[in-house]
Structures are given as C-alpha cells and as structure tokens.
Amino acid sequence: MSVALLAAFAAAPTRAASTQDACSPNFSDYKVSIFGSTSPTSAAPDPSSTVYPPNGYKVLSGGAIVQTLQGSAFLTGSYPDFDSDAPDVPIGWYGDSKHQGTGTRARLTTYVIAVYDPNNCWSVKAFQQSTVTPSAHPSVTVALGTGYVLTGGGARAIPATPGGNGSFLYSSIPWVSAGSAYNGWSAQSKDQSINDPANITAWAIGIKPAVAGVNMPTSNVNAGKPSASLNNPIALANGYNNVLPGVNCTLTGGGANDNWGAGWGNLLTAIYPLGTSGWEALGQSSGPESASVLTAYSVCLN
C-alpha cells in the first residue's frame, strides 16, 4: 500500500462527528479518528516518527509501518508517548525501527487512534511492565488495572548496549489471563544474527467512564486468519464491520504475532490500522529464508 494512500486513511475520521455538549452514554456516540505522521522523505537507515492528535482527543492506541527503499529495516517499537506531568496518560504515539545490513534507506509512518472527548467523559490510562534482565529473546506481559477495558497496546525493545545490532519486535498482541476476557498486552522481541540482549516494555491501554451516566463499553478482540507460512507474510484482522455483524463496534487498536519458529527469525515491519476496515500486519525474513505464520489482531469497543 502506498504512503499516499496510508496518509489518506490517517486523515480520515473513522466515524462521523457527533455533538457532545454533555456526556453521551454510549462509546459509539463519540468520534474516533486516526492521525498519521511520516518520517522525512529523505529516508534514513533507522527512521522514527511521532504523532499527536489535536486538542480534545484522548489516545486509545496506535501503530507503525516501516517501508524500505533499499535494504532491510524492522520495527523496534510502536508505543505511547506521555507527558511528564501525567506519566500514565498517553498523549501521542511513537514508531521506531532499525536497519540490518548496509545501505538501508527507509521511512516510517506512525498512527495514533484517539477519541474526541473535550468534556472528559472518559478516563484513559496506560499500564506498563518491563523486563528486568536483558535477554536475546525478551518477553513481557502487562495487565490492565481494575475497572478498565482494553482499547489497545504497544511495545518497545531496548538493547542493553546502545548502538548494538538491535532487538526487533515479532509480537505485540492483546493478552488474556486464564478464564478472563482480554485484559492486557504481551510483547516479544529478538536479536538477529549477532547476540544483542535487550529489555522489552509492554503497554496496555484501557478506558472506563469518568462520570456518572456513561456506560462501560465492551472490548472485543478479533484474531484474523493466520497467513500462509511465507518469508514475507501479510495478515489482516477485520474491523468493526466484521467482528460483530449488526453491532456498532468501533475499531480502537490492534497488534500482530509473527510466529517464526526456527531459523534466523521473521520480524515485524508493520502493525497499523487500515482505516475503519481493520488491522494489517507485515513480516519479513531477517536473514536466510525463515518462513513464518503471521496473525493480526484487532480491538474494537461497543
């Protein structure tokens, strides 16, 4: 998909605007929009990008896609940004990537999904968990706090040694504890060809009513059809039109799991919203052919 078309999705609201002179009772009454930002078109080996919604919006989740013009680059992070005065309230979205090999030129587009809530009808909060000991294949999960339902999540891998070969995301997905609804987020990354231990952080973002008279929404997670086992897998998870036919369910987030199995690994190059239609994920073999089965996930509220 072209950057121009992606930008068009980013500029378009996912729902028609509604008048909010007071707090409407149902989440479906609120405008949810997608905003995007692309790194400079000059292209760099390790592009990154940050995007913030306009005033009055509250961040529900986000995504990122790195597109190479030459060489290979993979995602190292797709995660929320915060204000120092409120370190658990997301205000924007980061996307980070890192190249492999020489001569790489790439650009990265980051997306943020946000709900328009100037009257503060909703409380949105991010919950964070990080690994403590660096490892070659770090993994972490984080649960939502009591009273919140899942809107989305993010992940970031940070090598223990700055400037090293890198640690790359292969999984950033909704997490469910035994006997429960989806109530958290899971993240995994790995080094590639050269040992480079890293820590990884996962964020789970949740929402709940902030005032009386606003109904608690239901969070729905859809795991899309797994891809065929390919070196460059593509996976989709349908949005609200298909998750719950006949139910007004608004897309708020998504993720992906690149099940690379053995070999050098297959790493994520994209986990991002396709407008209102759902969530797309792209993977790529990180060295000698390493086929993988890729699954995308979408999150919607009703």
Protein backbone atom coordinates (compact mmCIF):
# COMPACT_ATOMS: atom_id res chain seq x y z
CA MET A 1 0.00 0.00 0.00
CA SER A 2 1.41 3.42 -0.95
CA VAL A 3 2.37 6.07 1.62
CA ALA A 4 -0.08 8.45 -0.05
CA LEU A 5 -2.96 6.04 0.45
CA LEU A 6 -1.90 5.41 4.03
CA ALA A 7 -1.89 9.15 4.64
CA ALA A 8 -5.41 9.34 3.28
CA PHE A 9 -6.53 6.75 5.82
CA ALA A 10 -4.72 8.66 8.54
CA ALA A 11 -6.53 11.89 7.72
CA ALA A 12 -9.99 10.39 7.64
CA PRO A 13 -12.11 10.01 10.77
CA THR A 14 -13.33 6.51 11.46
CA ARG A 15 -16.77 7.79 12.45
CA ALA A 16 -18.93 10.78 11.73
CA ALA A 17 -18.67 13.58 14.28
CA SER A 18 -21.31 13.86 16.98
CA THR A 19 -22.31 16.83 19.10
CA GLN A 20 -21.09 16.42 22.66
CA ASP A 21 -22.50 19.31 24.67
CA ALA A 22 -22.74 16.80 27.52
CA CYS A 23 -21.51 13.28 28.00
CA SER A 24 -23.28 10.81 25.73
CA PRO A 25 -23.94 7.46 27.42
CA ASN A 26 -22.51 5.12 24.76
CA PHE A 27 -19.00 4.92 23.32
CA SER A 28 -20.42 4.64 19.80
CA ASP A 29 -21.69 8.23 20.14
CA TYR A 30 -18.12 9.57 20.23
CA LYS A 31 -15.89 10.44 17.29
CA VAL A 32 -12.83 8.20 16.93
CA SER A 33 -10.18 9.36 14.44
CA ILE A 34 -6.84 8.19 13.07
CA PHE A 35 -3.93 10.61 12.64
CA GLY A 36 -0.60 9.82 10.96
CA SER A 37 2.91 11.20 10.57
CA THR A 38 5.72 10.04 8.27
CA SER A 39 9.45 10.44 8.83
CA PRO A 40 11.33 12.74 6.40
CA THR A 41 11.17 11.60 2.80
CA SER A 42 14.96 11.83 2.53
CA ALA A 43 14.91 8.37 4.14
CA ALA A 44 17.35 7.18 6.80
CA PRO A 45 18.61 3.74 7.85
CA ASP A 46 16.81 3.89 11.24
CA PRO A 47 13.75 6.10 10.78
CA SER A 48 11.38 7.02 13.60
CA SER A 49 8.23 9.10 13.79
CA THR A 50 5.88 10.55 16.40
CA VAL A 51 2.27 11.67 16.01
CA TYR A 52 -0.09 13.56 18.32
CA PRO A 53 -3.85 14.08 17.99
CA PRO A 54 -5.41 17.57 18.13
CA ASN A 55 -6.55 19.10 21.41
CA GLY A 56 -9.62 17.47 22.90
CA TYR A 57 -8.68 13.93 21.84
CA LYS A 58 -7.61 11.07 24.10
CA VAL A 59 -5.20 8.41 22.79
CA LEU A 60 -6.57 4.85 22.58
CA SER A 61 -3.69 3.14 20.74
CA GLY A 62 -1.53 3.39 17.64
CA GLY A 63 0.56 1.58 15.07
CA ALA A 64 3.52 1.89 12.70
CA ILE A 65 4.84 0.73 9.34
CA VAL A 66 8.45 0.93 8.11
CA GLN A 67 8.91 0.90 4.33
CA THR A 68 12.34 0.27 2.86
CA LEU A 69 13.54 1.91 -0.33
CA GLN A 70 16.76 -0.08 -0.15
CA GLY A 71 17.97 -2.82 2.19
CA SER A 72 16.02 -4.05 5.24
CA ALA A 73 14.57 -2.39 8.34
CA PHE A 74 12.30 -3.76 11.07
CA LEU A 75 10.16 -2.32 13.86
CA THR A 76 11.78 -1.96 17.27
CA GLY A 77 8.89 -0.06 18.84
CA SER A 78 5.26 1.00 18.44
CA TYR A 79 4.23 2.56 21.73
CA PRO A 80 2.57 5.51 23.51
CA ASP A 81 4.15 8.83 24.42
CA PHE A 82 3.42 10.57 27.72
CA ASP A 83 3.56 13.97 29.37
CA SER A 84 5.89 14.12 32.37
CA ASP A 85 3.04 15.56 34.45
CA ALA A 86 0.84 12.50 33.78
CA PRO A 87 3.13 9.52 33.06
CA ASP A 88 0.25 7.05 32.72
CA VAL A 89 -1.96 9.08 30.37
CA PRO A 90 -0.94 8.63 26.70
CA ILE A 91 -0.76 11.80 24.60
CA GLY A 92 0.72 10.50 21.32
CA TRP A 93 2.36 7.56 19.58
CA TYR A 94 5.97 6.65 18.72
CA GLY A 95 7.24 4.37 15.98
CA ASP A 96 10.88 3.21 15.94
CA SER A 97 12.84 1.00 13.54
CA LYS A 98 16.36 -0.22 12.88
CA HIS A 99 18.14 -1.38 9.75
CA GLN A 100 20.02 -4.58 9.00
CA GLY A 101 22.91 -4.69 6.58
CA THR A 102 24.48 -1.74 4.80
CA GLY A 103 23.00 0.90 2.54
CA THR A 104 19.49 0.75 4.03
CA ARG A 105 17.15 3.64 3.25
CA ALA A 106 13.69 3.59 4.81
CA ARG A 107 10.85 5.75 6.05
CA LEU A 108 8.41 5.13 8.86
CA THR A 109 4.77 6.16 9.29
CA THR A 110 3.24 6.25 12.75
CA TYR A 111 -0.50 6.30 13.52
CA VAL A 112 -2.46 7.28 16.60
CA ILE A 113 -6.11 6.34 17.21
CA ALA A 114 -7.91 8.78 19.51
CA VAL A 115 -11.40 9.55 20.79
CA TYR A 116 -12.71 13.12 20.82
CA ASP A 117 -13.60 13.81 24.45
CA PRO A 118 -13.32 17.54 25.28
CA ASN A 119 -15.80 17.14 28.15
CA ASN A 120 -13.66 14.48 29.89
CA CYS A 121 -16.38 11.86 29.83
CA TRP A 122 -13.79 9.06 29.72
CA SER A 123 -10.74 8.04 31.71
CA VAL A 124 -7.97 6.59 29.53
CA LYS A 125 -4.89 5.11 31.18
CA ALA A 126 -1.83 3.12 30.11
CA PHE A 127 -0.38 0.33 32.25
CA GLN A 128 3.29 -0.55 31.77
CA GLN A 129 5.56 -3.50 32.52
CA SER A 130 9.23 -4.03 31.58
CA THR A 131 11.65 -6.93 31.82
CA VAL A 132 14.41 -6.55 34.40
CA THR A 133 17.17 -8.74 32.98
CA PRO A 134 18.22 -8.31 29.31
CA SER A 135 17.98 -11.43 27.14
CA ALA A 136 18.29 -12.41 23.49
CA HIS A 137 14.54 -13.02 23.23
CA PRO A 138 12.85 -10.85 25.88
CA SER A 139 9.14 -11.29 26.61
CA VAL A 140 6.76 -9.42 28.92
CA THR A 141 3.04 -9.09 29.66
CA VAL A 142 1.10 -6.36 31.45
CA ALA A 143 -2.45 -6.41 32.80
CA LEU A 144 -4.96 -3.58 32.87
CA GLY A 145 -5.88 -2.00 36.17
CA THR A 146 -9.21 -2.78 37.81
CA GLY A 147 -12.22 -1.23 36.11
CA TYR A 148 -10.66 -0.63 32.69
CA VAL A 149 -11.40 -2.39 29.39
CA LEU A 150 -8.81 -2.84 26.65
CA THR A 151 -8.51 -0.38 23.75
CA GLY A 152 -5.04 -1.35 22.50
CA GLY A 153 -1.40 -1.59 23.44
CA GLY A 154 2.20 -1.16 22.40
CA ALA A 155 5.75 -2.45 22.75
CA ARG A 156 9.34 -1.25 22.68
CA ALA A 157 12.60 -3.24 22.67
CA ILE A 158 15.68 -1.52 24.14
CA PRO A 159 19.10 -3.22 23.75
CA ALA A 160 21.25 -3.30 26.87
CA THR A 161 24.17 -1.92 24.84
CA PRO A 162 23.33 1.27 22.90
CA GLY A 163 24.40 1.23 19.28
CA GLY A 164 24.40 -2.54 19.04
CA ASN A 165 22.92 -4.78 16.38
CA GLY A 166 19.39 -4.32 17.74
CA SER A 167 16.38 -6.17 19.11
CA PHE A 168 13.34 -6.37 16.85
CA LEU A 169 9.64 -6.86 17.54
CA TYR A 170 7.99 -10.07 16.44
CA SER A 171 4.93 -9.93 18.71
CA SER A 172 2.78 -7.15 20.16
CA ILE A 173 -0.68 -8.53 20.89
CA PRO A 174 -3.69 -8.46 23.23
CA TRP A 175 -3.18 -10.72 26.25
CA VAL A 176 -5.76 -12.75 28.11
CA SER A 177 -5.36 -14.34 31.52
CA ALA A 178 -6.88 -17.75 32.18
CA GLY A 179 -10.66 -17.64 32.46
CA SER A 180 -10.84 -13.93 31.70
CA ALA A 181 -11.62 -11.54 28.88
CA TYR A 182 -8.67 -9.89 27.10
CA ASN A 183 -7.28 -7.69 29.84
CA GLY A 184 -3.68 -6.86 28.96
CA TRP A 185 -0.89 -6.79 26.40
CA SER A 186 2.04 -9.07 25.54
CA ALA A 187 5.28 -8.14 23.75
CA GLN A 188 8.25 -10.12 22.43
CA SER A 189 11.42 -9.26 20.50
CA LYS A 190 14.64 -10.93 19.39
CA ASP A 191 18.14 -10.15 18.23
CA GLN A 192 19.25 -11.07 14.73
CA SER A 193 22.44 -12.91 13.69
CA ILE A 194 24.53 -11.24 16.44
CA ASN A 195 23.81 -11.70 20.15
CA ASP A 196 22.36 -8.44 21.49
CA PRO A 197 20.48 -8.85 24.80
CA ALA A 198 17.65 -6.38 25.36
CA ASN A 199 14.85 -5.44 27.68
CA ILE A 200 11.31 -5.02 26.41
CA THR A 201 8.37 -2.94 27.64
CA ALA A 202 4.68 -3.60 27.02
CA TRP A 203 1.85 -1.11 27.47
CA ALA A 204 -1.83 -1.99 27.83
CA ILE A 205 -4.21 0.92 27.31
CA GLY A 206 -7.65 0.88 28.89
CA ILE A 207 -10.74 3.05 29.15
CA LYS A 208 -13.60 3.47 31.63
CA PRO A 209 -16.35 6.07 32.23
CA ALA A 210 -15.16 9.15 34.11
CA VAL A 211 -18.61 10.47 35.04
CA ALA A 212 -21.98 9.07 36.06
CA GLY A 213 -24.39 8.27 33.26
CA VAL A 214 -21.74 6.98 30.84
CA ASN A 215 -21.94 3.25 30.15
CA MET A 216 -18.98 0.91 30.41
CA PRO A 217 -18.14 -0.28 26.87
CA THR A 218 -17.34 -3.87 25.93
CA SER A 219 -13.91 -4.63 24.44
CA ASN A 220 -13.86 -7.18 21.62
CA VAL A 221 -10.67 -8.78 20.23
CA ASN A 222 -10.65 -10.40 16.81
CA ALA A 223 -7.78 -12.70 15.78
CA GLY A 224 -7.63 -12.66 12.00
CA LYS A 225 -6.96 -15.66 9.79
CA PRO A 226 -3.30 -16.73 10.09
CA SER A 227 -1.25 -16.21 6.95
CA ALA A 228 0.36 -18.99 4.98
CA SER A 229 3.93 -19.79 6.04
CA LEU A 230 5.89 -17.27 3.97
CA ASN A 231 9.14 -15.31 4.04
CA ASN A 232 7.14 -12.08 3.72
CA PRO A 233 3.78 -12.83 5.35
CA ILE A 234 0.77 -10.48 5.33
CA ALA A 235 -2.14 -10.75 7.76
CA LEU A 236 -5.40 -8.87 8.31
CA ALA A 237 -7.87 -8.67 11.19
CA ASN A 238 -11.26 -7.25 10.29
CA GLY A 239 -12.60 -4.14 11.97
CA TYR A 240 -15.98 -3.38 13.47
CA ASN A 241 -17.98 -4.19 10.33
CA ASN A 242 -16.99 -7.85 10.53
CA VAL A 243 -16.11 -8.57 14.13
CA LEU A 244 -19.69 -8.26 15.33
CA PRO A 245 -22.11 -8.11 12.39
CA GLY A 246 -25.01 -5.84 13.19
CA VAL A 247 -23.31 -4.41 16.29
CA ASN A 248 -21.89 -0.87 16.37
CA CYS A 249 -18.28 -1.75 17.31
CA THR A 250 -15.60 0.93 16.85
CA LEU A 251 -12.01 -0.04 15.94
CA THR A 252 -9.63 1.24 18.64
CA GLY A 253 -6.43 -0.79 18.28
CA GLY A 254 -4.63 -3.91 17.16
CA GLY A 255 -1.45 -5.94 17.09
CA ALA A 256 0.31 -8.91 15.50
CA ASN A 257 2.22 -12.10 16.25
CA ASP A 258 4.93 -13.26 13.81
CA ASN A 259 5.32 -16.95 14.70
CA TRP A 260 8.74 -17.50 13.16
CA GLY A 261 9.57 -20.81 14.85
CA ALA A 262 13.11 -21.89 13.99
CA GLY A 263 15.84 -20.20 11.97
CA TRP A 264 17.05 -16.61 11.98
CA GLY A 265 13.56 -15.29 12.52
CA ASN A 266 10.80 -13.36 10.84
CA LEU A 267 10.28 -9.83 12.15
CA LEU A 268 7.52 -7.25 12.05
CA THR A 269 7.69 -4.37 9.59
CA ALA A 270 4.10 -3.18 10.08
CA ILE A 271 1.33 -3.23 12.70
CA TYR A 272 -1.12 -0.48 11.79
CA PRO A 273 -4.80 0.44 11.21
CA LEU A 274 -6.34 0.19 7.75
CA GLY A 275 -8.80 3.00 8.34
CA THR A 276 -12.07 1.56 9.62
CA SER A 277 -11.60 -1.77 7.85
CA GLY A 278 -9.32 -3.36 10.42
CA TRP A 279 -5.68 -4.03 11.23
CA GLU A 280 -2.83 -5.06 8.94
CA ALA A 281 0.47 -6.72 9.84
CA LEU A 282 3.53 -7.37 7.68
CA GLY A 283 6.51 -9.59 8.44
CA GLN A 284 9.85 -10.15 6.74
CA SER A 285 12.53 -12.82 6.94
CA SER A 286 15.52 -11.39 8.78
CA GLY A 287 18.31 -13.24 7.01
CA PRO A 288 18.43 -16.62 5.31
CA GLU A 289 14.90 -17.64 4.39
CA SER A 290 12.84 -18.01 7.56
CA ALA A 291 9.19 -18.54 6.70
CA SER A 292 6.60 -17.57 9.28
CA VAL A 293 2.87 -17.69 10.02
CA LEU A 294 1.62 -14.20 10.84
CA THR A 295 -1.59 -13.36 12.72
CA ALA A 296 -3.10 -9.88 13.07
CA TYR A 297 -5.44 -8.81 15.88
CA SER A 298 -7.99 -6.01 16.03
CA VAL A 299 -9.62 -4.44 19.10
CA CYS A 300 -12.99 -2.70 18.96
CA LEU A 301 -15.38 -1.21 21.53
CA ASN A 302 -19.17 -1.26 21.60
